[in-house]
């Protein structure tokens, strides 16, 4: 399976060590279990294993990763939400499990603001608005004008109903009033490759980066709040004319609601100290993200803000999976 993973993921896995639980015996207390709501080998799993190693060395307490995939991450998230709030079971969540999925699915069965206590944000990553090279636009303003002149004639690619790529497109519709057709694909890579075959004219997707760098797609803007050093000449969506448009994918650790603040703060401190290590910086950079240590309260506010934003978009666009 791993032979099909992108090379940058394989490189980070090598940094993170083997796919099994973190090694070592507990020096005090019970082992800390970090639930990854996905299978082994992906970005979330890679980062979680680095966190497990960090907690083990910083707290003198055995820590390991348990992969519990299924239902887009819901199964793993529910398991942690229902675990005792003692700091021994943590969820390595992301935008999908902590905002997008509960925003579009009643059957998810949890409100992230009520089910979890934020512990530490690990990283966030931005997306790129890219267009097929044959589309006669070279700026976001030109894309908006073209879409308004050709309502419903542009195709936009997304990686599944309710995926962040899908919601990003709906947010663009809401903020600009343009109309286009959204085509759904099985993955971010498929959604991007569809532009090379002429099925789709544009997308908002982090997976577009390699093809942009190769010159096979044209980037118009980044979705982060500020410009990125790797694309110094590429404006943000806000700079390009869409006020308030910011979309990022975040990754972080949460605990069951009700976990004592002293435990949360202790884990937060251990993680934040580790974020500055060379191993972490290299891993995050290869995954296309950046680290910004935050307090649990700051991370809790981010989760609440993202959940509220995507609930509003999903409601206005009538996006739901059940």
Foldseek 3Di string as FASTA:
>chain_A
DLVPDDPLLVVLLVLLDDLWWDDDAAPDDAEAEEEEQADPRDLLSSVVSVLQVLCCVQVSGHYTYDYRYDPQSLVRLVVQLPDDLARRYKYWDKCVLLAQAVLFEPVSPDHNLQSWQFQKWQWKFWWFKWFAPVPPDQAPVRVLVVQVVPAAPFEEEDQDFSPLFVLLVLVVCVQRVGHYHYDYHNDLLVRLCCRVVVNGTITIGRNCVVCVVVVRIHTHAMQAPADDPVCNPHHHPVVRPRPPRHDMMIIGMIGTPPNDPVSSQSSLVSSVVVCPDPSNQSSQVSVRIHGDIDGSVVVSVVSVVSNVVNSVSCVVVVGHDD
